[in-house]
Structures are given as C-alpha cells and as structure tokens.
C-alpha cells in the first residue's frame, strides 16, 4: 500500500465497510475528511473525536489507514487515546 505524505492530495474518502448503507455514505465520507483535517493539524484524542460526533471513530481511523495514511495510537490512560498522523521514515 502506498504511504501518503501530509502534502499529497487525499483521495476521495469513502467508507470501506461493505455493510455501510448507501444513505450513510455522504455522512461517513464527511467524517473521514473531517478526521483527516484534524489529524493534519496535530495529535487528536478520542475524546475530541467523540465531542465532534464521531462515536465510531475507530472505523474512520481504519478507513483512513486503508487509504494509505499511517496513524499511530498512544494509550494515555483512563480510557483516553491519542492518534497521530505520521509519515514514512
């Protein structure tokens, strides 16, 4: 899979789960784009994603990873995780 840099033009982000109902695709596509924009600004905690209404943020993280973005997760404790977009070294 090709690793995208922070400067690459992202592909059209669509949910990759085949069980997603066609009516939900526009909403989930928007969530992927919003999450990518958040990650491009810096680390994002799961609490921030949930505050934005992304309650299934792990699915959106998985979608972005399938599109070639490398996202690492660090457990901070107390149920809080921090996600970062990284580049290939």
C-alpha atoms as a PDB file:
ATOM      1  CA  UNK A   1       0.000   0.000   0.000  1.00  0.00           C
ATOM      2  CA  UNK A   2       1.295   3.470  -0.888  1.00  0.00           C
ATOM      3  CA  UNK A   3       2.044   5.701   2.127  1.00  0.00           C
ATOM      4  CA  UNK A   4       0.693   9.199   1.575  1.00  0.00           C
ATOM      5  CA  UNK A   5       2.610  12.193   2.856  1.00  0.00           C
ATOM      6  CA  UNK A   6       0.958  15.121   4.589  1.00  0.00           C
ATOM      7  CA  UNK A   7       1.301  17.052   1.320  1.00  0.00           C
ATOM      8  CA  UNK A   8      -0.324  14.543  -1.031  1.00  0.00           C
ATOM      9  CA  UNK A   9      -3.793  15.295  -2.303  1.00  0.00           C
ATOM     10  CA  UNK A  10      -6.028  12.851  -0.467  1.00  0.00           C
ATOM     11  CA  UNK A  11      -8.249  10.523  -2.437  1.00  0.00           C
ATOM     12  CA  UNK A  12     -11.988  10.856  -2.217  1.00  0.00           C
ATOM     13  CA  UNK A  13     -12.570   9.393   1.207  1.00  0.00           C
ATOM     14  CA  UNK A  14     -15.413   6.922   1.293  1.00  0.00           C
ATOM     15  CA  UNK A  15     -16.186   4.349   3.967  1.00  0.00           C
ATOM     16  CA  UNK A  16     -14.661   0.988   3.097  1.00  0.00           C
ATOM     17  CA  UNK A  17     -17.040  -1.211   5.077  1.00  0.00           C
ATOM     18  CA  UNK A  18     -19.288  -3.036   2.568  1.00  0.00           C
ATOM     19  CA  UNK A  19     -22.119  -3.136   5.098  1.00  0.00           C
ATOM     20  CA  UNK A  20     -22.467   0.685   5.098  1.00  0.00           C
ATOM     21  CA  UNK A  21     -25.900   1.651   3.804  1.00  0.00           C
ATOM     22  CA  UNK A  22     -25.807   3.871   0.681  1.00  0.00           C
ATOM     23  CA  UNK A  23     -27.711   6.593   2.562  1.00  0.00           C
ATOM     24  CA  UNK A  24     -24.902   6.750   5.151  1.00  0.00           C
ATOM     25  CA  UNK A  25     -22.040   7.166   2.659  1.00  0.00           C
ATOM     26  CA  UNK A  26     -22.173  11.005   2.451  1.00  0.00           C
ATOM     27  CA  UNK A  27     -22.170  11.362   6.240  1.00  0.00           C
ATOM     28  CA  UNK A  28     -19.300   8.927   6.734  1.00  0.00           C
ATOM     29  CA  UNK A  29     -17.326  10.398   3.831  1.00  0.00           C
ATOM     30  CA  UNK A  30     -17.558  13.755   5.596  1.00  0.00           C
ATOM     31  CA  UNK A  31     -16.400  12.207   8.859  1.00  0.00           C
ATOM     32  CA  UNK A  32     -13.300  10.771   7.165  1.00  0.00           C
ATOM     33  CA  UNK A  33     -12.459  14.159   5.653  1.00  0.00           C
ATOM     34  CA  UNK A  34     -13.017  15.966   8.987  1.00  0.00           C
ATOM     35  CA  UNK A  35     -10.902  13.451  10.867  1.00  0.00           C
ATOM     36  CA  UNK A  36      -8.084  13.699   8.328  1.00  0.00           C
ATOM     37  CA  UNK A  37      -8.122  17.504   8.621  1.00  0.00           C
ATOM     38  CA  UNK A  38      -7.962  17.220  12.421  1.00  0.00           C
ATOM     39  CA  UNK A  39      -5.030  14.790  12.242  1.00  0.00           C
ATOM     40  CA  UNK A  40      -3.171  17.012   9.783  1.00  0.00           C
ATOM     41  CA  UNK A  41      -3.284  19.831  12.362  1.00  0.00           C
ATOM     42  CA  UNK A  42      -1.751  17.604  15.055  1.00  0.00           C
ATOM     43  CA  UNK A  43      -2.489  14.837  17.558  1.00  0.00           C
ATOM     44  CA  UNK A  44      -6.165  14.147  18.246  1.00  0.00           C
ATOM     45  CA  UNK A  45      -7.584  12.484  21.334  1.00  0.00           C
ATOM     46  CA  UNK A  46     -10.528  10.123  21.184  1.00  0.00           C
ATOM     47  CA  UNK A  47     -12.422  12.474  23.492  1.00  0.00           C
ATOM     48  CA  UNK A  48     -12.121  15.234  20.864  1.00  0.00           C
ATOM     49  CA  UNK A  49     -13.427  12.941  18.132  1.00  0.00           C
ATOM     50  CA  UNK A  50     -16.410  11.922  20.238  1.00  0.00           C
ATOM     51  CA  UNK A  51     -17.112  15.583  21.047  1.00  0.00           C
ATOM     52  CA  UNK A  52     -17.386  16.146  17.263  1.00  0.00           C
ATOM     53  CA  UNK A  53     -19.978  13.377  16.988  1.00  0.00           C
ATOM     54  CA  UNK A  54     -17.616  10.658  15.719  1.00  0.00           C
ATOM     55  CA  UNK A  55     -18.656   7.912  18.103  1.00  0.00           C
ATOM     56  CA  UNK A  56     -17.309   5.174  15.793  1.00  0.00           C
ATOM     57  CA  UNK A  57     -14.003   6.969  15.305  1.00  0.00           C
ATOM     58  CA  UNK A  58     -12.085   3.686  15.209  1.00  0.00           C
ATOM     59  CA  UNK A  59     -13.933   2.793  11.993  1.00  0.00           C
ATOM     60  CA  UNK A  60     -12.968   6.147  10.460  1.00  0.00           C
ATOM     61  CA  UNK A  61      -9.339   5.605  11.572  1.00  0.00           C
ATOM     62  CA  UNK A  62      -9.462   2.189   9.868  1.00  0.00           C
ATOM     63  CA  UNK A  63     -10.870   3.787   6.699  1.00  0.00           C
ATOM     64  CA  UNK A  64      -8.020   6.322   6.604  1.00  0.00           C
ATOM     65  CA  UNK A  65      -5.449   3.573   7.170  1.00  0.00           C
ATOM     66  CA  UNK A  66      -6.910   1.623   4.237  1.00  0.00           C
ATOM     67  CA  UNK A  67      -6.431   4.742   2.100  1.00  0.00           C
ATOM     68  CA  UNK A  68      -2.727   4.645   2.928  1.00  0.00           C
ATOM     69  CA  UNK A  69      -2.448   7.046   5.848  1.00  0.00           C
ATOM     70  CA  UNK A  70      -0.248   5.887   8.704  1.00  0.00           C
ATOM     71  CA  UNK A  71      -1.918   6.662  12.004  1.00  0.00           C
ATOM     72  CA  UNK A  72      -0.427   5.650  15.341  1.00  0.00           C
ATOM     73  CA  UNK A  73      -2.279   5.400  18.628  1.00  0.00           C
ATOM     74  CA  UNK A  74      -0.905   6.003  22.103  1.00  0.00           C
ATOM     75  CA  UNK A  75      -2.905   4.966  25.174  1.00  0.00           C
ATOM     76  CA  UNK A  76      -2.791   7.817  27.699  1.00  0.00           C
ATOM     77  CA  UNK A  77      -4.734   6.027  30.428  1.00  0.00           C
ATOM     78  CA  UNK A  78      -8.198   6.428  31.834  1.00  0.00           C
ATOM     79  CA  UNK A  79      -9.780   5.424  28.523  1.00  0.00           C
ATOM     80  CA  UNK A  80      -8.091   8.274  26.645  1.00  0.00           C
ATOM     81  CA  UNK A  81      -6.144   7.573  23.449  1.00  0.00           C
ATOM     82  CA  UNK A  82      -4.189   9.964  21.265  1.00  0.00           C
ATOM     83  CA  UNK A  83      -3.914   9.452  17.498  1.00  0.00           C
ATOM     84  CA  UNK A  84      -1.190  10.944  15.303  1.00  0.00           C
ATOM     85  CA  UNK A  85      -0.687  11.037  11.567  1.00  0.00           C
ATOM     86  CA  UNK A  86       2.882  10.006  10.759  1.00  0.00           C
ATOM     87  CA  UNK A  87       4.999   9.854   7.647  1.00  0.00           C
ATOM     88  CA  UNK A  88       7.191   7.059   6.411  1.00  0.00           C
ATOM     89  CA  UNK A  89      10.777   7.357   7.609  1.00  0.00           C
END
